Amino acid sequence: MDEVVERFNRLKRANPHTGNVLILAQIVSEHSLTKRQIKKYLHLLCRKDYDYFEDEKGLIDFLYSFSKK
């Protein structure tokens, strides 16, 4: 398991009522993730929440805006 997944799992355990996409946004703000990496983790970690978002590209762009550049 890589460090992003481990960090996600720790944050989810500490904040069980926080949405997965918001937790991913926190991780994106801590790491310099590319759009490709964000898409990978979005599909891997946020599959349950993913159906609520109709515009995948818009969501990826939104999450990328939190990334350290």
N, C-alpha and C. Protein backbone atom coordinates (compact mmCIF):
# COMPACT_ATOMS: atom_id res chain seq x y z
N MET A 1 0.85 -1.17 0.00
CA MET A 1 0.00 0.00 0.00
C MET A 1 0.90 1.24 0.00
N ASP A 2 0.57 2.21 -0.81
CA ASP A 2 1.42 3.40 -0.86
C ASP A 2 1.01 4.41 0.20
N GLU A 3 1.81 5.45 0.34
CA GLU A 3 1.61 6.41 1.42
C GLU A 3 0.30 7.20 1.30
N VAL A 4 -0.17 7.45 0.08
CA VAL A 4 -1.43 8.17 -0.09
C VAL A 4 -2.60 7.33 0.44
N VAL A 5 -2.60 6.06 0.12
CA VAL A 5 -3.67 5.17 0.59
C VAL A 5 -3.60 5.03 2.11
N GLU A 6 -2.39 4.90 2.65
CA GLU A 6 -2.24 4.80 4.10
C GLU A 6 -2.73 6.07 4.79
N ARG A 7 -2.37 7.23 4.23
CA ARG A 7 -2.81 8.52 4.79
C ARG A 7 -4.34 8.63 4.72
N PHE A 8 -4.90 8.22 3.59
CA PHE A 8 -6.36 8.24 3.43
C PHE A 8 -7.02 7.39 4.51
N ASN A 9 -6.52 6.19 4.71
CA ASN A 9 -7.11 5.29 5.71
C ASN A 9 -7.01 5.86 7.12
N ARG A 10 -5.86 6.49 7.45
CA ARG A 10 -5.71 7.10 8.78
C ARG A 10 -6.70 8.25 8.96
N LEU A 11 -6.82 9.11 7.95
CA LEU A 11 -7.75 10.24 8.04
C LEU A 11 -9.20 9.76 8.12
N LYS A 12 -9.52 8.71 7.38
CA LYS A 12 -10.89 8.18 7.39
C LYS A 12 -11.24 7.59 8.75
N ARG A 13 -10.28 6.90 9.36
CA ARG A 13 -10.53 6.36 10.71
C ARG A 13 -10.70 7.48 11.73
N ALA A 14 -9.91 8.54 11.59
CA ALA A 14 -9.98 9.66 12.53
C ALA A 14 -11.24 10.51 12.31
N ASN A 15 -11.72 10.54 11.08
CA ASN A 15 -12.88 11.37 10.72
C ASN A 15 -13.89 10.54 9.92
N PRO A 16 -14.55 9.60 10.56
CA PRO A 16 -15.40 8.66 9.81
C PRO A 16 -16.59 9.30 9.11
N HIS A 17 -17.01 10.49 9.54
CA HIS A 17 -18.18 11.11 8.93
C HIS A 17 -17.81 12.09 7.82
N THR A 18 -16.52 12.26 7.58
CA THR A 18 -16.07 13.15 6.51
C THR A 18 -16.12 12.40 5.19
N GLY A 19 -16.59 13.06 4.14
CA GLY A 19 -16.69 12.42 2.83
C GLY A 19 -15.32 12.07 2.26
N ASN A 20 -15.30 11.01 1.49
CA ASN A 20 -14.05 10.53 0.90
C ASN A 20 -13.40 11.56 -0.01
N VAL A 21 -14.20 12.30 -0.77
CA VAL A 21 -13.65 13.29 -1.69
C VAL A 21 -12.98 14.42 -0.90
N LEU A 22 -13.57 14.81 0.23
CA LEU A 22 -12.95 15.84 1.06
C LEU A 22 -11.64 15.36 1.67
N ILE A 23 -11.60 14.11 2.06
CA ILE A 23 -10.35 13.54 2.58
C ILE A 23 -9.30 13.52 1.48
N LEU A 24 -9.70 13.16 0.27
CA LEU A 24 -8.76 13.17 -0.85
C LEU A 24 -8.27 14.59 -1.12
N ALA A 25 -9.13 15.59 -0.99
CA ALA A 25 -8.71 16.99 -1.17
C ALA A 25 -7.65 17.36 -0.14
N GLN A 26 -7.80 16.90 1.09
CA GLN A 26 -6.80 17.15 2.13
C GLN A 26 -5.46 16.55 1.74
N ILE A 27 -5.48 15.32 1.24
CA ILE A 27 -4.25 14.64 0.83
C ILE A 27 -3.62 15.35 -0.36
N VAL A 28 -4.43 15.78 -1.31
CA VAL A 28 -3.92 16.50 -2.48
C VAL A 28 -3.22 17.77 -2.04
N SER A 29 -3.75 18.44 -1.01
CA SER A 29 -3.13 19.68 -0.53
C SER A 29 -1.80 19.41 0.18
N GLU A 30 -1.60 18.21 0.68
CA GLU A 30 -0.36 17.85 1.36
C GLU A 30 0.72 17.36 0.41
N HIS A 31 0.33 16.86 -0.73
CA HIS A 31 1.26 16.28 -1.70
C HIS A 31 1.10 16.98 -3.04
N SER A 32 2.10 16.91 -3.84
CA SER A 32 2.01 17.44 -5.20
C SER A 32 1.56 16.31 -6.13
N LEU A 33 0.27 16.12 -6.22
CA LEU A 33 -0.26 15.05 -7.07
C LEU A 33 -0.59 15.60 -8.45
N THR A 34 -0.31 14.80 -9.46
CA THR A 34 -0.68 15.17 -10.82
C THR A 34 -2.16 14.85 -11.04
N LYS A 35 -2.71 15.36 -12.13
CA LYS A 35 -4.11 15.06 -12.44
C LYS A 35 -4.31 13.56 -12.66
N ARG A 36 -3.32 12.92 -13.25
CA ARG A 36 -3.41 11.47 -13.48
C ARG A 36 -3.45 10.71 -12.15
N GLN A 37 -2.62 11.14 -11.19
CA GLN A 37 -2.62 10.50 -9.87
C GLN A 37 -3.95 10.76 -9.15
N ILE A 38 -4.45 11.98 -9.26
CA ILE A 38 -5.73 12.31 -8.63
C ILE A 38 -6.83 11.42 -9.19
N LYS A 39 -6.85 11.23 -10.50
CA LYS A 39 -7.86 10.38 -11.12
C LYS A 39 -7.75 8.95 -10.60
N LYS A 40 -6.52 8.45 -10.50
CA LYS A 40 -6.29 7.09 -10.00
C LYS A 40 -6.84 6.94 -8.59
N TYR A 41 -6.50 7.86 -7.70
CA TYR A 41 -6.95 7.76 -6.31
C TYR A 41 -8.45 8.04 -6.18
N LEU A 42 -8.98 8.89 -7.04
CA LEU A 42 -10.41 9.15 -7.03
C LEU A 42 -11.18 7.87 -7.32
N HIS A 43 -10.73 7.12 -8.31
CA HIS A 43 -11.40 5.86 -8.66
C HIS A 43 -11.15 4.79 -7.59
N LEU A 44 -9.95 4.78 -7.03
CA LEU A 44 -9.58 3.76 -6.05
C LEU A 44 -10.24 4.00 -4.69
N LEU A 45 -10.23 5.24 -4.22
CA LEU A 45 -10.63 5.53 -2.84
C LEU A 45 -12.02 6.13 -2.70
N CYS A 46 -12.54 6.70 -3.76
CA CYS A 46 -13.81 7.44 -3.65
C CYS A 46 -14.90 6.85 -4.52
N ARG A 47 -14.80 5.60 -4.83
CA ARG A 47 -15.77 4.96 -5.72
C ARG A 47 -17.20 5.11 -5.21
N LYS A 48 -17.38 4.98 -3.90
CA LYS A 48 -18.72 5.08 -3.32
C LYS A 48 -19.31 6.48 -3.52
N ASP A 49 -18.49 7.51 -3.37
CA ASP A 49 -18.95 8.89 -3.52
C ASP A 49 -18.93 9.34 -4.97
N TYR A 50 -18.25 8.60 -5.80
CA TYR A 50 -17.98 9.03 -7.16
C TYR A 50 -19.24 9.22 -7.99
N ASP A 51 -20.26 8.43 -7.75
CA ASP A 51 -21.50 8.50 -8.54
C ASP A 51 -22.24 9.83 -8.38
N TYR A 52 -21.94 10.56 -7.32
CA TYR A 52 -22.61 11.84 -7.09
C TYR A 52 -22.10 12.94 -8.01
N PHE A 53 -20.96 12.70 -8.64
CA PHE A 53 -20.34 13.72 -9.47
C PHE A 53 -20.50 13.35 -10.94
N GLU A 54 -21.16 14.23 -11.69
CA GLU A 54 -21.41 13.95 -13.10
C GLU A 54 -20.21 14.33 -13.97
N ASP A 55 -19.45 15.32 -13.54
CA ASP A 55 -18.36 15.85 -14.35
C ASP A 55 -17.01 15.43 -13.77
N GLU A 56 -16.48 14.31 -14.25
CA GLU A 56 -15.21 13.81 -13.72
C GLU A 56 -14.08 14.81 -13.92
N LYS A 57 -13.99 15.39 -15.11
CA LYS A 57 -12.91 16.34 -15.38
C LYS A 57 -13.00 17.55 -14.45
N GLY A 58 -14.21 18.05 -14.23
CA GLY A 58 -14.39 19.18 -13.32
C GLY A 58 -13.98 18.84 -11.90
N LEU A 59 -14.30 17.64 -11.46
CA LEU A 59 -13.93 17.21 -10.12
C LEU A 59 -12.41 17.07 -10.00
N ILE A 60 -11.78 16.50 -11.01
CA ILE A 60 -10.32 16.37 -11.00
C ILE A 60 -9.67 17.75 -11.00
N ASP A 61 -10.18 18.67 -11.82
CA ASP A 61 -9.64 20.03 -11.84
C ASP A 61 -9.82 20.70 -10.48
N PHE A 62 -10.98 20.49 -9.85
CA PHE A 62 -11.23 21.05 -8.53
C PHE A 62 -10.22 20.51 -7.52
N LEU A 63 -10.03 19.21 -7.50
CA LEU A 63 -9.07 18.61 -6.56
C LEU A 63 -7.65 19.08 -6.87
N TYR A 64 -7.32 19.20 -8.15
CA TYR A 64 -5.98 19.64 -8.55
C TYR A 64 -5.70 21.06 -8.07
N SER A 65 -6.73 21.87 -7.93
CA SER A 65 -6.53 23.25 -7.47
C SER A 65 -5.99 23.29 -6.04
N PHE A 66 -6.13 22.21 -5.28
CA PHE A 66 -5.58 22.13 -3.93
C PHE A 66 -4.13 21.69 -3.93
N SER A 67 -3.63 21.20 -5.05
CA SER A 67 -2.28 20.64 -5.13
C SER A 67 -1.23 21.73 -5.00
N LYS A 68 -0.15 21.39 -4.28
CA LYS A 68 0.98 22.31 -4.19
C LYS A 68 1.67 22.34 -5.53
N LYS A 69 1.90 23.53 -6.02
CA LYS A 69 2.52 23.64 -7.34
C LYS A 69 3.93 24.15 -7.23
